[in-house]
Amino acid sequence: MKHRLKVFHSKFAERKLRLLLDYIESEWGSKSKSSFFSKYSKSIEQISTHPRSCPESEYKSGLFKCVVTKQTSVLYRINEDSVEIITLFDNRQNQNEVFEEIKNYFA
C-alpha cells in the first residue's frame, strides 16, 4: 500500500472552499456541488499519495498546482510529513492576482 501524506487546509483554503461550494450550490444545485466535491476529493487523494505528480508553480518554487476541474485548481506545498492546501482559485483568474492574494494572507 502506498504511503499517504496527511493533507490539511490552511484557514484561507478552508474559507475559499466553503465559499466555492456555497456558490456552486446556489447557482447549479446540490447535485453539482456534490459532483465538484467528489472531483475535489479525488484530487486531494492524488496529492496525498503522489504529492509530486502535479507541476510546480512557475510563479513560486515549492508550490504545486493541481487542476481539479477546467475552472478550478489548488495550490499546495509539501511539508516533511504532510501537504498543505494553500488556496483554491479560478483558472481564468490572473495568476499574479492569485499570488498577491496569497502573499497578503500569509504575510
C-alpha atoms as a PDB file:
ATOM      1  CA  MET A   1       0.000   0.000   0.000  1.00  0.00           C
ATOM      2  CA  LYS A   2       1.308   3.426  -0.972  1.00  0.00           C
ATOM      3  CA  HIS A   3       2.259   5.742   1.885  1.00  0.00           C
ATOM      4  CA  ARG A   4      -0.161   8.648   2.226  1.00  0.00           C
ATOM      5  CA  LEU A   5       0.744  12.072   3.484  1.00  0.00           C
ATOM      6  CA  LYS A   6      -1.710  13.865   5.706  1.00  0.00           C
ATOM      7  CA  VAL A   7      -3.418  16.692   3.795  1.00  0.00           C
ATOM      8  CA  PHE A   8      -4.650  19.758   5.622  1.00  0.00           C
ATOM      9  CA  HIS A   9      -6.106  23.074   4.506  1.00  0.00           C
ATOM     10  CA  SER A  10      -4.911  26.499   5.526  1.00  0.00           C
ATOM     11  CA  LYS A  11      -7.651  28.642   7.072  1.00  0.00           C
ATOM     12  CA  PHE A  12      -7.580  30.622   3.828  1.00  0.00           C
ATOM     13  CA  ALA A  13      -8.156  27.479   1.713  1.00  0.00           C
ATOM     14  CA  GLU A  14     -10.936  26.309   4.047  1.00  0.00           C
ATOM     15  CA  ARG A  15     -12.727  29.629   3.582  1.00  0.00           C
ATOM     16  CA  LYS A  16     -12.261  29.598  -0.203  1.00  0.00           C
ATOM     17  CA  LEU A  17     -13.552  26.009  -0.454  1.00  0.00           C
ATOM     18  CA  ARG A  18     -16.607  26.808   1.663  1.00  0.00           C
ATOM     19  CA  LEU A  19     -17.385  29.886  -0.461  1.00  0.00           C
ATOM     20  CA  LEU A  20     -16.923  27.924  -3.691  1.00  0.00           C
ATOM     21  CA  LEU A  21     -19.189  25.090  -2.551  1.00  0.00           C
ATOM     22  CA  ASP A  22     -21.865  27.581  -1.468  1.00  0.00           C
ATOM     23  CA  TYR A  23     -21.605  29.343  -4.834  1.00  0.00           C
ATOM     24  CA  ILE A  24     -21.869  26.110  -6.829  1.00  0.00           C
ATOM     25  CA  GLU A  25     -24.913  25.041  -4.833  1.00  0.00           C
ATOM     26  CA  SER A  26     -26.672  28.398  -5.169  1.00  0.00           C
ATOM     27  CA  GLU A  27     -26.023  28.622  -8.931  1.00  0.00           C
ATOM     28  CA  TRP A  28     -26.337  24.991 -10.052  1.00  0.00           C
ATOM     29  CA  GLY A  29     -27.787  22.992  -7.155  1.00  0.00           C
ATOM     30  CA  SER A  30     -26.715  20.330  -4.714  1.00  0.00           C
ATOM     31  CA  LYS A  31     -26.027  17.715  -7.411  1.00  0.00           C
ATOM     32  CA  SER A  32     -23.381  19.988  -8.994  1.00  0.00           C
ATOM     33  CA  LYS A  33     -21.953  20.754  -5.559  1.00  0.00           C
ATOM     34  CA  SER A  34     -21.684  17.037  -4.822  1.00  0.00           C
ATOM     35  CA  SER A  35     -20.083  16.367  -8.216  1.00  0.00           C
ATOM     36  CA  PHE A  36     -17.469  19.071  -7.668  1.00  0.00           C
ATOM     37  CA  PHE A  37     -16.726  17.858  -4.145  1.00  0.00           C
ATOM     38  CA  SER A  38     -16.211  14.325  -5.463  1.00  0.00           C
ATOM     39  CA  LYS A  39     -13.677  15.592  -8.026  1.00  0.00           C
ATOM     40  CA  TYR A  40     -12.033  17.698  -5.331  1.00  0.00           C
ATOM     41  CA  SER A  41     -11.752  14.700  -3.008  1.00  0.00           C
ATOM     42  CA  LYS A  42     -10.139  12.620  -5.781  1.00  0.00           C
ATOM     43  CA  SER A  43      -7.607  15.400  -6.354  1.00  0.00           C
ATOM     44  CA  ILE A  44      -6.805  15.517  -2.630  1.00  0.00           C
ATOM     45  CA  GLU A  45      -6.345  11.732  -2.646  1.00  0.00           C
ATOM     46  CA  GLN A  46      -3.931  12.039  -5.595  1.00  0.00           C
ATOM     47  CA  ILE A  47      -1.979  14.757  -3.791  1.00  0.00           C
ATOM     48  CA  SER A  48      -1.859  12.614  -0.655  1.00  0.00           C
ATOM     49  CA  THR A  49      -0.417   9.549  -2.392  1.00  0.00           C
ATOM     50  CA  HIS A  50       1.606  11.265  -5.146  1.00  0.00           C
ATOM     51  CA  PRO A  51       2.389  14.801  -3.961  1.00  0.00           C
ATOM     52  CA  ARG A  52       4.879  15.499  -6.735  1.00  0.00           C
ATOM     53  CA  SER A  53       2.567  14.330  -9.542  1.00  0.00           C
ATOM     54  CA  CYS A  54       1.384  17.893 -10.203  1.00  0.00           C
ATOM     55  CA  PRO A  55       3.598  20.541 -11.771  1.00  0.00           C
ATOM     56  CA  GLU A  56       5.488  23.001  -9.631  1.00  0.00           C
ATOM     57  CA  SER A  57       4.267  26.563  -9.951  1.00  0.00           C
ATOM     58  CA  GLU A  58       6.172  28.695 -12.418  1.00  0.00           C
ATOM     59  CA  TYR A  59       5.488  31.712 -10.189  1.00  0.00           C
ATOM     60  CA  LYS A  60       6.828  30.388  -6.868  1.00  0.00           C
ATOM     61  CA  SER A  61       9.073  27.412  -6.265  1.00  0.00           C
ATOM     62  CA  GLY A  62       7.868  24.991  -3.618  1.00  0.00           C
ATOM     63  CA  LEU A  63       4.212  25.434  -4.566  1.00  0.00           C
ATOM     64  CA  PHE A  64       2.430  22.881  -6.726  1.00  0.00           C
ATOM     65  CA  LYS A  65      -0.701  23.321  -8.835  1.00  0.00           C
ATOM     66  CA  CYS A  66      -3.350  20.607  -9.083  1.00  0.00           C
ATOM     67  CA  VAL A  67      -6.130  21.112 -11.611  1.00  0.00           C
ATOM     68  CA  VAL A  68      -9.398  19.903 -10.071  1.00  0.00           C
ATOM     69  CA  THR A  69     -11.736  20.900 -12.902  1.00  0.00           C
ATOM     70  CA  LYS A  70     -11.429  23.008 -16.032  1.00  0.00           C
ATOM     71  CA  GLN A  71     -12.374  26.014 -13.890  1.00  0.00           C
ATOM     72  CA  THR A  72     -10.692  25.293 -10.532  1.00  0.00           C
ATOM     73  CA  SER A  73      -7.201  24.473  -9.269  1.00  0.00           C
ATOM     74  CA  VAL A  74      -5.496  24.260  -5.902  1.00  0.00           C
ATOM     75  CA  LEU A  75      -2.057  25.403  -4.861  1.00  0.00           C
ATOM     76  CA  TYR A  76      -0.303  23.343  -2.230  1.00  0.00           C
ATOM     77  CA  ARG A  77       3.067  22.850  -0.616  1.00  0.00           C
ATOM     78  CA  ILE A  78       4.719  19.667   0.535  1.00  0.00           C
ATOM     79  CA  ASN A  79       5.984  19.578   4.100  1.00  0.00           C
ATOM     80  CA  GLU A  80       8.077  16.828   5.667  1.00  0.00           C
ATOM     81  CA  ASP A  81       5.161  14.547   6.523  1.00  0.00           C
ATOM     82  CA  SER A  82       2.124  16.427   5.222  1.00  0.00           C
ATOM     83  CA  VAL A  83       0.701  18.510   2.417  1.00  0.00           C
ATOM     84  CA  GLU A  84      -0.862  21.924   2.996  1.00  0.00           C
ATOM     85  CA  ILE A  85      -3.542  23.176   0.627  1.00  0.00           C
ATOM     86  CA  ILE A  86      -2.764  26.904   0.401  1.00  0.00           C
ATOM     87  CA  THR A  87      -5.650  28.117  -1.755  1.00  0.00           C
ATOM     88  CA  LEU A  88      -8.198  27.295  -4.421  1.00  0.00           C
ATOM     89  CA  PHE A  89      -8.596  29.564  -7.415  1.00  0.00           C
ATOM     90  CA  ASP A  90     -10.418  30.030 -10.681  1.00  0.00           C
ATOM     91  CA  ASN A  91      -8.149  29.057 -13.600  1.00  0.00           C
ATOM     92  CA  ARG A  92      -9.371  32.083 -15.546  1.00  0.00           C
ATOM     93  CA  GLN A  93      -8.066  34.378 -12.801  1.00  0.00           C
ATOM     94  CA  ASN A  94      -4.834  36.259 -13.389  1.00  0.00           C
ATOM     95  CA  GLN A  95      -2.072  34.224 -11.739  1.00  0.00           C
ATOM     96  CA  ASN A  96      -0.384  37.368 -10.408  1.00  0.00           C
ATOM     97  CA  GLU A  97      -3.608  38.174  -8.526  1.00  0.00           C
ATOM     98  CA  VAL A  98      -3.616  34.697  -7.001  1.00  0.00           C
ATOM     99  CA  PHE A  99      -0.079  35.160  -5.689  1.00  0.00           C
ATOM    100  CA  GLU A 100      -0.823  38.675  -4.418  1.00  0.00           C
ATOM    101  CA  GLU A 101      -3.812  37.286  -2.557  1.00  0.00           C
ATOM    102  CA  ILE A 102      -1.647  34.546  -1.020  1.00  0.00           C
ATOM    103  CA  LYS A 103       1.107  36.997  -0.146  1.00  0.00           C
ATOM    104  CA  ASN A 104      -1.376  39.313   1.581  1.00  0.00           C
ATOM    105  CA  TYR A 105      -2.960  36.475   3.522  1.00  0.00           C
ATOM    106  CA  PHE A 106       0.226  34.726   4.591  1.00  0.00           C
ATOM    107  CA  ALA A 107       2.309  37.872   5.221  1.00  0.00           C
END
